[in-house]
Amino acid sequence: MSSTHEHQIEQAGQRPGEEYQQFEGDRSSANETPGAAQEVPEPAKGPVPVWLVGLIGLGIFWAGAYLFSFSGGFQGDVFDFAPKFGVQGGAQAPPDPKVVGKALFSANCITCHQANGQGVPGQYPPLAGSEVELGEATNHLIAIVLKGLQGPVVVESKPFNNAMQAWEAQYTDAQFAAILTYVRSDWGNNAPPITADMVKQMRAEFKDRKEQWTWPEIEKLPPKNLAGGAPPAGQPKPGTPAAGGQPPATNSQTPAQPATQSQPPAPSGTPANAP
């Protein structure tokens, strides 16, 4: 440090160390707060509120009841909860084919044929009142659903031209039967149900066919009512009167009527009409 600088410090009356000590003293005095030495009060102590105890107890009770009901006995092979109330055991009624058929119809068929069964004009034919759906040629109906249909078709005297895919790989025989049974019984339709055996028969008959049907091919198939069979050509259906308008003879025999007794002969020599 130069002599000139030391001289200036001496004139100010302070040394370098003295200036630092004075700064530290000022800072410590600034950090001191009044009442720092006073004792900090502790939080108040008292009983736990009754409502809080009740709320905690209710939560514990609910958790225990939930585990008891849905734990499945803490078994590793339990995947779903089976209620233990109500009637247990016994044979369950089979599902209604119409209910199952409506669900399957809504999943895939409703886009084209619509929820009201009216189809789309010019593209997809209606199912409500359709002679294909309600006719006795049930083999035609099942064949179309199994293998599909493409090209122009006339339903209810109206032309349609589009394509329907084959559904044989998507549904089982029972599912096909449920869909067709629903279609033949909704929207005012009233036709006998289709059974899984009918679908199975048609599936086996057309198992080697790979392409979709055309309407001329469907018309060439001999119509057959799988529910009751079609009568041979030239013979009337059951219950139809025979040719000539006379009902067919029955096997029952009419019991013989007793013969009417003749009048006793008149006495000899007396006229029969004598007074």
C-alpha atoms as a PDB file:
ATOM      1  CA  MET A   1       0.000   0.000   0.000  1.00  0.00           C
ATOM      2  CA  SER A   2       1.442   3.391  -0.904  1.00  0.00           C
ATOM      3  CA  SER A   3       2.298   5.968   1.689  1.00  0.00           C
ATOM      4  CA  THR A   4      -0.216   8.354   0.155  1.00  0.00           C
ATOM      5  CA  HIS A   5      -3.114   5.855   0.693  1.00  0.00           C
ATOM      6  CA  GLU A   6      -2.077   5.154   4.295  1.00  0.00           C
ATOM      7  CA  HIS A   7      -1.994   8.816   4.942  1.00  0.00           C
ATOM      8  CA  GLN A   8      -5.556   9.189   3.632  1.00  0.00           C
ATOM      9  CA  ILE A   9      -6.795   6.372   5.915  1.00  0.00           C
ATOM     10  CA  GLU A  10      -5.145   7.893   8.945  1.00  0.00           C
ATOM     11  CA  GLN A  11      -6.799  11.159   8.144  1.00  0.00           C
ATOM     12  CA  ALA A  12     -10.176   9.412   8.108  1.00  0.00           C
ATOM     13  CA  GLY A  13      -9.423   8.045  11.563  1.00  0.00           C
ATOM     14  CA  GLN A  14      -9.981   4.382  10.698  1.00  0.00           C
ATOM     15  CA  ARG A  15      -7.820   1.387  10.017  1.00  0.00           C
ATOM     16  CA  PRO A  16      -8.823  -1.378   7.452  1.00  0.00           C
ATOM     17  CA  GLY A  17      -9.556  -3.905  10.164  1.00  0.00           C
ATOM     18  CA  GLU A  18     -11.596  -1.466  12.162  1.00  0.00           C
ATOM     19  CA  GLU A  19     -13.885  -0.767   9.166  1.00  0.00           C
ATOM     20  CA  TYR A  20     -14.666  -4.521   8.734  1.00  0.00           C
ATOM     21  CA  GLN A  21     -15.383  -5.006  12.436  1.00  0.00           C
ATOM     22  CA  GLN A  22     -17.785  -2.118  12.391  1.00  0.00           C
ATOM     23  CA  PHE A  23     -19.652  -3.667   9.360  1.00  0.00           C
ATOM     24  CA  GLU A  24     -20.020  -7.025  11.076  1.00  0.00           C
ATOM     25  CA  GLY A  25     -21.367  -5.402  14.180  1.00  0.00           C
ATOM     26  CA  ASP A  26     -23.968  -3.477  12.243  1.00  0.00           C
ATOM     27  CA  ARG A  27     -25.156  -6.651  10.438  1.00  0.00           C
ATOM     28  CA  SER A  28     -25.527  -8.683  13.624  1.00  0.00           C
ATOM     29  CA  SER A  29     -27.495  -5.935  15.234  1.00  0.00           C
ATOM     30  CA  ALA A  30     -29.821  -5.793  12.242  1.00  0.00           C
ATOM     31  CA  ASN A  31     -30.568  -9.549  12.458  1.00  0.00           C
ATOM     32  CA  GLU A  32     -31.636  -9.304  16.076  1.00  0.00           C
ATOM     33  CA  THR A  33     -35.420  -9.159  16.460  1.00  0.00           C
ATOM     34  CA  PRO A  34     -37.291  -8.144  19.519  1.00  0.00           C
ATOM     35  CA  GLY A  35     -38.695 -11.033  21.491  1.00  0.00           C
ATOM     36  CA  ALA A  36     -36.414 -13.684  19.930  1.00  0.00           C
ATOM     37  CA  ALA A  37     -35.673 -15.057  23.306  1.00  0.00           C
ATOM     38  CA  GLN A  38     -39.371 -15.666  24.023  1.00  0.00           C
ATOM     39  CA  GLU A  39     -40.657 -19.278  24.115  1.00  0.00           C
ATOM     40  CA  VAL A  40     -42.720 -20.505  21.098  1.00  0.00           C
ATOM     41  CA  PRO A  41     -46.185 -21.703  22.236  1.00  0.00           C
ATOM     42  CA  GLU A  42     -47.138 -25.341  21.566  1.00  0.00           C
ATOM     43  CA  PRO A  43     -50.334 -26.226  19.589  1.00  0.00           C
ATOM     44  CA  ALA A  44     -53.451 -26.713  21.595  1.00  0.00           C
ATOM     45  CA  LYS A  45     -54.226 -30.238  22.704  1.00  0.00           C
ATOM     46  CA  GLY A  46     -57.757 -31.609  22.987  1.00  0.00           C
ATOM     47  CA  PRO A  47     -60.052 -34.609  22.277  1.00  0.00           C
ATOM     48  CA  VAL A  48     -60.614 -35.873  18.700  1.00  0.00           C
ATOM     49  CA  PRO A  49     -64.024 -34.787  17.329  1.00  0.00           C
ATOM     50  CA  VAL A  50     -66.716 -37.424  17.532  1.00  0.00           C
ATOM     51  CA  TRP A  51     -67.745 -36.953  13.910  1.00  0.00           C
ATOM     52  CA  LEU A  52     -64.209 -37.695  12.734  1.00  0.00           C
ATOM     53  CA  VAL A  53     -64.116 -40.914  14.755  1.00  0.00           C
ATOM     54  CA  GLY A  54     -67.451 -41.960  13.258  1.00  0.00           C
ATOM     55  CA  LEU A  55     -66.303 -41.182   9.721  1.00  0.00           C
ATOM     56  CA  ILE A  56     -63.156 -43.261  10.131  1.00  0.00           C
ATOM     57  CA  GLY A  57     -65.152 -46.151  11.591  1.00  0.00           C
ATOM     58  CA  LEU A  58     -67.651 -46.016   8.719  1.00  0.00           C
ATOM     59  CA  GLY A  59     -64.813 -46.159   6.176  1.00  0.00           C
ATOM     60  CA  ILE A  60     -63.288 -49.183   7.883  1.00  0.00           C
ATOM     61  CA  PHE A  61     -66.668 -50.950   7.979  1.00  0.00           C
ATOM     62  CA  TRP A  62     -67.313 -50.271   4.251  1.00  0.00           C
ATOM     63  CA  ALA A  63     -63.862 -51.543   3.282  1.00  0.00           C
ATOM     64  CA  GLY A  64     -64.393 -54.744   5.241  1.00  0.00           C
ATOM     65  CA  ALA A  65     -67.830 -55.324   3.721  1.00  0.00           C
ATOM     66  CA  TYR A  66     -66.480 -54.735   0.209  1.00  0.00           C
ATOM     67  CA  LEU A  67     -63.664 -57.236   0.685  1.00  0.00           C
ATOM     68  CA  PHE A  68     -66.053 -59.780   2.168  1.00  0.00           C
ATOM     69  CA  SER A  69     -68.423 -59.486  -0.813  1.00  0.00           C
ATOM     70  CA  PHE A  70     -66.007 -59.245  -3.725  1.00  0.00           C
ATOM     71  CA  SER A  71     -62.853 -61.018  -2.630  1.00  0.00           C
ATOM     72  CA  GLY A  72     -64.034 -64.409  -3.886  1.00  0.00           C
ATOM     73  CA  GLY A  73     -62.683 -66.005  -0.764  1.00  0.00           C
ATOM     74  CA  PHE A  74     -59.209 -64.795  -1.780  1.00  0.00           C
ATOM     75  CA  GLN A  75     -58.945 -67.753  -4.150  1.00  0.00           C
ATOM     76  CA  GLY A  76     -56.707 -67.587  -7.191  1.00  0.00           C
ATOM     77  CA  ASP A  77     -59.170 -69.302  -9.537  1.00  0.00           C
ATOM     78  CA  VAL A  78     -61.971 -66.773  -9.035  1.00  0.00           C
ATOM     79  CA  PHE A  79     -62.316 -64.390 -11.993  1.00  0.00           C
ATOM     80  CA  ASP A  80     -65.810 -63.024 -11.512  1.00  0.00           C
ATOM     81  CA  PHE A  81     -68.187 -62.490  -8.651  1.00  0.00           C
ATOM     82  CA  ALA A  82     -71.125 -64.879  -8.459  1.00  0.00           C
ATOM     83  CA  PRO A  83     -73.902 -63.610  -6.171  1.00  0.00           C
ATOM     84  CA  LYS A  84     -74.953 -65.985  -3.435  1.00  0.00           C
ATOM     85  CA  PHE A  85     -78.490 -64.702  -3.109  1.00  0.00           C
ATOM     86  CA  GLY A  86     -81.614 -65.807  -4.964  1.00  0.00           C
ATOM     87  CA  VAL A  87     -82.505 -69.251  -6.248  1.00  0.00           C
ATOM     88  CA  GLN A  88     -79.469 -71.470  -6.575  1.00  0.00           C
ATOM     89  CA  GLY A  89     -79.120 -74.429  -8.892  1.00  0.00           C
ATOM     90  CA  GLY A  90     -81.757 -75.854 -11.156  1.00  0.00           C
ATOM     91  CA  ALA A  91     -81.949 -75.935 -14.927  1.00  0.00           C
ATOM     92  CA  GLN A  92     -81.837 -72.576 -16.650  1.00  0.00           C
ATOM     93  CA  ALA A  93     -84.201 -71.821 -19.488  1.00  0.00           C
ATOM     94  CA  PRO A  94     -82.506 -71.610 -22.898  1.00  0.00           C
ATOM     95  CA  PRO A  95     -82.145 -68.110 -24.317  1.00  0.00           C
ATOM     96  CA  ASP A  96     -84.928 -66.841 -26.541  1.00  0.00           C
ATOM     97  CA  PRO A  97     -83.791 -67.209 -30.190  1.00  0.00           C
ATOM     98  CA  LYS A  98     -85.563 -63.976 -31.096  1.00  0.00           C
ATOM     99  CA  VAL A  99     -83.614 -62.041 -28.474  1.00  0.00           C
ATOM    100  CA  VAL A 100     -80.316 -63.561 -29.573  1.00  0.00           C
ATOM    101  CA  GLY A 101     -81.195 -63.059 -33.233  1.00  0.00           C
ATOM    102  CA  LYS A 102     -82.039 -59.396 -32.723  1.00  0.00           C
ATOM    103  CA  ALA A 103     -78.682 -58.766 -31.041  1.00  0.00           C
ATOM    104  CA  LEU A 104     -76.776 -60.474 -33.862  1.00  0.00           C
ATOM    105  CA  PHE A 105     -78.852 -58.701 -36.499  1.00  0.00           C
ATOM    106  CA  SER A 106     -78.126 -55.338 -34.877  1.00  0.00           C
ATOM    107  CA  ALA A 107     -74.397 -56.097 -34.848  1.00  0.00           C
ATOM    108  CA  ASN A 108     -73.986 -56.754 -38.589  1.00  0.00           C
ATOM    109  CA  CYS A 109     -77.173 -56.693 -40.678  1.00  0.00           C
ATOM    110  CA  ILE A 110     -78.784 -53.456 -39.565  1.00  0.00           C
ATOM    111  CA  THR A 111     -76.460 -51.266 -41.651  1.00  0.00           C
ATOM    112  CA  CYS A 112     -77.880 -52.556 -44.938  1.00  0.00           C
ATOM    113  CA  HIS A 113     -81.389 -53.734 -44.074  1.00  0.00           C
ATOM    114  CA  GLN A 114     -82.081 -50.977 -41.496  1.00  0.00           C
ATOM    115  CA  ALA A 115     -83.616 -51.248 -38.051  1.00  0.00           C
ATOM    116  CA  ASN A 116     -87.141 -51.192 -39.481  1.00  0.00           C
ATOM    117  CA  GLY A 117     -86.390 -53.962 -41.999  1.00  0.00           C
ATOM    118  CA  GLN A 118     -87.113 -51.708 -44.997  1.00  0.00           C
ATOM    119  CA  GLY A 119     -83.634 -51.866 -46.541  1.00  0.00           C
ATOM    120  CA  VAL A 120     -82.229 -49.169 -48.841  1.00  0.00           C
ATOM    121  CA  PRO A 121     -84.148 -48.405 -52.051  1.00  0.00           C
ATOM    122  CA  GLY A 122     -82.364 -49.680 -55.129  1.00  0.00           C
ATOM    123  CA  GLN A 123     -79.513 -51.259 -53.146  1.00  0.00           C
ATOM    124  CA  TYR A 124     -80.571 -53.554 -50.297  1.00  0.00           C
ATOM    125  CA  PRO A 125     -83.962 -55.310 -50.426  1.00  0.00           C
ATOM    126  CA  PRO A 126     -86.423 -55.109 -47.533  1.00  0.00           C
ATOM    127  CA  LEU A 127     -86.926 -57.928 -45.069  1.00  0.00           C
ATOM    128  CA  ALA A 128     -90.326 -56.782 -43.815  1.00  0.00           C
ATOM    129  CA  GLY A 129     -92.969 -58.516 -45.907  1.00  0.00           C
ATOM    130  CA  SER A 130     -90.388 -60.026 -48.258  1.00  0.00           C
ATOM    131  CA  GLU A 131     -91.481 -63.159 -50.087  1.00  0.00           C
ATOM    132  CA  VAL A 132     -87.928 -64.452 -49.763  1.00  0.00           C
ATOM    133  CA  GLU A 133     -88.042 -64.204 -45.975  1.00  0.00           C
ATOM    134  CA  LEU A 134     -91.606 -65.426 -45.508  1.00  0.00           C
ATOM    135  CA  GLY A 135     -91.887 -67.952 -48.337  1.00  0.00           C
ATOM    136  CA  GLU A 136     -91.959 -71.703 -47.877  1.00  0.00           C
ATOM    137  CA  ALA A 137     -88.687 -72.123 -49.809  1.00  0.00           C
ATOM    138  CA  THR A 138     -86.609 -71.916 -46.665  1.00  0.00           C
ATOM    139  CA  ASN A 139     -83.694 -73.575 -48.439  1.00  0.00           C
ATOM    140  CA  HIS A 140     -83.391 -70.451 -50.634  1.00  0.00           C
ATOM    141  CA  LEU A 141     -83.311 -68.164 -47.606  1.00  0.00           C
ATOM    142  CA  ILE A 142     -80.675 -70.169 -45.763  1.00  0.00           C
ATOM    143  CA  ALA A 143     -78.553 -70.611 -48.891  1.00  0.00           C
ATOM    144  CA  ILE A 144     -78.456 -66.838 -49.480  1.00  0.00           C
ATOM    145  CA  VAL A 145     -77.370 -66.067 -45.928  1.00  0.00           C
ATOM    146  CA  LEU A 146     -74.707 -68.777 -45.945  1.00  0.00           C
ATOM    147  CA  LYS A 147     -73.047 -68.006 -49.283  1.00  0.00           C
ATOM    148  CA  GLY A 148     -74.131 -64.410 -49.955  1.00  0.00           C
ATOM    149  CA  LEU A 149     -75.813 -62.860 -52.981  1.00  0.00           C
ATOM    150  CA  GLN A 150     -74.614 -60.517 -55.716  1.00  0.00           C
ATOM    151  CA  GLY A 151     -76.122 -58.808 -58.720  1.00  0.00           C
ATOM    152  CA  PRO A 152     -79.647 -57.655 -59.520  1.00  0.00           C
ATOM    153  CA  VAL A 153     -82.608 -59.076 -57.660  1.00  0.00           C
ATOM    154  CA  VAL A 154     -86.327 -58.297 -57.610  1.00  0.00           C
ATOM    155  CA  VAL A 155     -88.143 -58.284 -54.253  1.00  0.00           C
ATOM    156  CA  GLU A 156     -91.760 -57.150 -53.898  1.00  0.00           C
ATOM    157  CA  SER A 157     -91.686 -56.162 -57.577  1.00  0.00           C
ATOM    158  CA  LYS A 158     -88.865 -53.679 -56.949  1.00  0.00           C
ATOM    159  CA  PRO A 159     -85.350 -54.004 -58.418  1.00  0.00           C
ATOM    160  CA  PHE A 160     -82.237 -53.994 -56.244  1.00  0.00           C
ATOM    161  CA  ASN A 161     -78.614 -54.340 -57.257  1.00  0.00           C
ATOM    162  CA  ASN A 162     -75.810 -54.785 -54.762  1.00  0.00           C
ATOM    163  CA  ALA A 163     -73.821 -57.508 -53.047  1.00  0.00           C
ATOM    164  CA  MET A 164     -74.254 -59.374 -49.786  1.00  0.00           C
ATOM    165  CA  GLN A 165     -71.243 -61.118 -48.331  1.00  0.00           C
ATOM    166  CA  ALA A 166     -71.168 -64.752 -47.222  1.00  0.00           C
ATOM    167  CA  TRP A 167     -71.715 -65.171 -43.485  1.00  0.00           C
ATOM    168  CA  GLU A 168     -71.064 -68.908 -43.121  1.00  0.00           C
ATOM    169  CA  ALA A 169     -67.696 -68.378 -41.407  1.00  0.00           C
ATOM    170  CA  GLN A 170     -68.954 -65.803 -38.898  1.00  0.00           C
ATOM    171  CA  TYR A 171     -71.844 -67.641 -37.264  1.00  0.00           C
ATOM    172  CA  THR A 172     -72.685 -71.074 -35.963  1.00  0.00           C
ATOM    173  CA  ASP A 173     -75.780 -72.999 -37.031  1.00  0.00           C
ATOM    174  CA  ALA A 174     -77.612 -71.923 -33.875  1.00  0.00           C
ATOM    175  CA  GLN A 175     -76.720 -68.270 -34.429  1.00  0.00           C
ATOM    176  CA  PHE A 176     -77.898 -68.404 -38.048  1.00  0.00           C
ATOM    177  CA  ALA A 177     -81.152 -69.966 -36.900  1.00  0.00           C
ATOM    178  CA  ALA A 178     -81.636 -67.232 -34.290  1.00  0.00           C
ATOM    179  CA  ILE A 179     -81.074 -64.437 -36.829  1.00  0.00           C
ATOM    180  CA  LEU A 180     -83.487 -65.899 -39.391  1.00  0.00           C
ATOM    181  CA  THR A 181     -86.077 -66.662 -36.715  1.00  0.00           C
ATOM    182  CA  TYR A 182     -85.952 -63.048 -35.581  1.00  0.00           C
ATOM    183  CA  VAL A 183     -86.197 -61.732 -39.149  1.00  0.00           C
ATOM    184  CA  ARG A 184     -89.219 -63.932 -39.871  1.00  0.00           C
ATOM    185  CA  SER A 185     -91.040 -62.725 -36.744  1.00  0.00           C
ATOM    186  CA  ASP A 186     -90.406 -58.963 -36.562  1.00  0.00           C
ATOM    187  CA  TRP A 187     -91.752 -55.888 -38.448  1.00  0.00           C
ATOM    188  CA  GLY A 188     -95.106 -57.600 -38.872  1.00  0.00           C
ATOM    189  CA  ASN A 189     -93.613 -60.816 -40.252  1.00  0.00           C
ATOM    190  CA  ASN A 190     -95.167 -64.022 -38.983  1.00  0.00           C
ATOM    191  CA  ALA A 191     -93.429 -67.135 -40.274  1.00  0.00           C
ATOM    192  CA  PRO A 192     -92.315 -70.356 -38.560  1.00  0.00           C
ATOM    193  CA  PRO A 193     -88.874 -70.342 -36.919  1.00  0.00           C
ATOM    194  CA  ILE A 194     -85.687 -71.661 -38.484  1.00  0.00           C
ATOM    195  CA  THR A 195     -83.830 -74.331 -36.532  1.00  0.00           C
ATOM    196  CA  ALA A 196     -80.138 -75.097 -36.284  1.00  0.00           C
ATOM    197  CA  ASP A 197     -80.709 -78.470 -37.965  1.00  0.00           C
ATOM    198  CA  MET A 198     -82.066 -76.735 -41.078  1.00  0.00           C
ATOM    199  CA  VAL A 199     -78.975 -74.537 -41.277  1.00  0.00           C
ATOM    200  CA  LYS A 200     -76.735 -77.544 -40.715  1.00  0.00           C
ATOM    201  CA  GLN A 201     -78.413 -79.389 -43.582  1.00  0.00           C
ATOM    202  CA  MET A 202     -77.915 -76.496 -46.002  1.00  0.00           C
ATOM    203  CA  ARG A 203     -74.335 -75.932 -44.862  1.00  0.00           C
ATOM    204  CA  ALA A 204     -73.503 -79.539 -45.671  1.00  0.00           C
ATOM    205  CA  GLU A 205     -75.321 -79.401 -49.017  1.00  0.00           C
ATOM    206  CA  PHE A 206     -73.432 -76.335 -50.260  1.00  0.00           C
ATOM    207  CA  LYS A 207     -70.107 -76.872 -48.495  1.00  0.00           C
ATOM    208  CA  ASP A 208     -68.169 -77.064 -51.770  1.00  0.00           C
ATOM    209  CA  ARG A 209     -69.507 -73.806 -53.179  1.00  0.00           C
ATOM    210  CA  LYS A 210     -67.024 -70.929 -52.930  1.00  0.00           C
ATOM    211  CA  GLU A 211     -68.680 -67.999 -54.709  1.00  0.00           C
ATOM    212  CA  GLN A 212     -71.750 -65.933 -53.972  1.00  0.00           C
ATOM    213  CA  TRP A 213     -75.137 -66.793 -55.443  1.00  0.00           C
ATOM    214  CA  THR A 214     -76.829 -64.875 -58.193  1.00  0.00           C
ATOM    215  CA  TRP A 215     -80.588 -64.468 -58.254  1.00  0.00           C
ATOM    216  CA  PRO A 216     -81.053 -66.664 -61.372  1.00  0.00           C
ATOM    217  CA  GLU A 217     -79.127 -69.436 -59.599  1.00  0.00           C
ATOM    218  CA  ILE A 218     -81.361 -69.146 -56.538  1.00  0.00           C
ATOM    219  CA  GLU A 219     -84.462 -69.372 -58.705  1.00  0.00           C
ATOM    220  CA  LYS A 220     -83.143 -72.585 -60.294  1.00  0.00           C
ATOM    221  CA  LEU A 221     -82.799 -74.293 -56.916  1.00  0.00           C
ATOM    222  CA  PRO A 222     -85.769 -76.598 -56.285  1.00  0.00           C
ATOM    223  CA  PRO A 223     -87.798 -74.894 -53.550  1.00  0.00           C
ATOM    224  CA  LYS A 224     -87.945 -76.889 -50.368  1.00  0.00           C
ATOM    225  CA  ASN A 225     -89.561 -76.167 -47.050  1.00  0.00           C
ATOM    226  CA  LEU A 226     -87.134 -77.639 -44.570  1.00  0.00           C
ATOM    227  CA  ALA A 227     -89.640 -77.274 -41.769  1.00  0.00           C
ATOM    228  CA  GLY A 228     -92.107 -79.723 -43.273  1.00  0.00           C
ATOM    229  CA  GLY A 229     -90.729 -80.662 -46.688  1.00  0.00           C
ATOM    230  CA  ALA A 230     -92.254 -79.895 -50.056  1.00  0.00           C
ATOM    231  CA  PRO A 231     -94.873 -82.243 -51.491  1.00  0.00           C
ATOM    232  CA  PRO A 232     -93.934 -84.113 -54.678  1.00  0.00           C
ATOM    233  CA  ALA A 233     -94.832 -82.465 -57.971  1.00  0.00           C
ATOM    234  CA  GLY A 234     -98.451 -82.985 -58.997  1.00  0.00           C
ATOM    235  CA  GLN A 235     -99.635 -83.779 -55.483  1.00  0.00           C
ATOM    236  CA  PRO A 236    -101.582 -81.301 -53.369  1.00  0.00           C
ATOM    237  CA  LYS A 237    -100.295 -80.048 -50.068  1.00  0.00           C
ATOM    238  CA  PRO A 238    -101.633 -81.613 -46.910  1.00  0.00           C
ATOM    239  CA  GLY A 239    -105.132 -80.371 -46.208  1.00  0.00           C
ATOM    240  CA  THR A 240    -105.800 -79.325 -49.821  1.00  0.00           C
ATOM    241  CA  PRO A 241    -108.954 -80.862 -51.380  1.00  0.00           C
ATOM    242  CA  ALA A 242    -108.310 -83.445 -54.060  1.00  0.00           C
ATOM    243  CA  ALA A 243    -109.103 -82.896 -57.757  1.00  0.00           C
ATOM    244  CA  GLY A 244    -112.806 -82.454 -58.529  1.00  0.00           C
ATOM    245  CA  GLY A 245    -113.453 -80.472 -55.366  1.00  0.00           C
ATOM    246  CA  GLN A 246    -114.259 -83.582 -53.282  1.00  0.00           C
ATOM    247  CA  PRO A 247    -112.390 -84.020 -50.049  1.00  0.00           C
ATOM    248  CA  PRO A 248    -110.211 -87.119 -49.809  1.00  0.00           C
ATOM    249  CA  ALA A 249    -111.805 -90.227 -48.400  1.00  0.00           C
ATOM    250  CA  THR A 250    -111.038 -91.036 -44.825  1.00  0.00           C
ATOM    251  CA  ASN A 251    -110.170 -94.394 -43.357  1.00  0.00           C
ATOM    252  CA  SER A 252    -112.865 -94.202 -40.752  1.00  0.00           C
ATOM    253  CA  GLN A 253    -115.896 -96.390 -41.435  1.00  0.00           C
ATOM    254  CA  THR A 254    -119.411 -95.214 -40.881  1.00  0.00           C
ATOM    255  CA  PRO A 255    -121.239 -97.629 -38.639  1.00  0.00           C
ATOM    256  CA  ALA A 256    -123.950 -99.534 -40.501  1.00  0.00           C
ATOM    257  CA  GLN A 257    -127.442 -98.256 -39.939  1.00  0.00           C
ATOM    258  CA  PRO A 258    -130.028-100.853 -38.909  1.00  0.00           C
ATOM    259  CA  ALA A 259    -132.333-101.876 -41.750  1.00  0.00           C
ATOM    260  CA  THR A 260    -135.854-100.503 -41.647  1.00  0.00           C
ATOM    261  CA  GLN A 261    -138.311-103.194 -40.754  1.00  0.00           C
ATOM    262  CA  SER A 262    -140.940-103.867 -43.438  1.00  0.00           C
ATOM    263  CA  GLN A 263    -144.632-104.007 -42.695  1.00  0.00           C
ATOM    264  CA  PRO A 264    -146.018-107.497 -41.964  1.00  0.00           C
ATOM    265  CA  PRO A 265    -147.828-109.048 -44.915  1.00  0.00           C
ATOM    266  CA  ALA A 266    -151.535-108.616 -45.091  1.00  0.00           C
ATOM    267  CA  PRO A 267    -153.716-111.668 -44.331  1.00  0.00           C
ATOM    268  CA  SER A 268    -154.450-113.816 -47.296  1.00  0.00           C
ATOM    269  CA  GLY A 269    -157.631-113.000 -49.131  1.00  0.00           C
ATOM    270  CA  THR A 270    -157.762-109.436 -47.694  1.00  0.00           C
ATOM    271  CA  PRO A 271    -156.558-106.497 -49.785  1.00  0.00           C
ATOM    272  CA  ALA A 272    -153.589-104.594 -48.255  1.00  0.00           C
ATOM    273  CA  ASN A 273    -155.398-101.247 -48.539  1.00  0.00           C
ATOM    274  CA  ALA A 274    -158.798-102.485 -47.344  1.00  0.00           C
ATOM    275  CA  PRO A 275    -160.522-100.224 -44.836  1.00  0.00           C
END
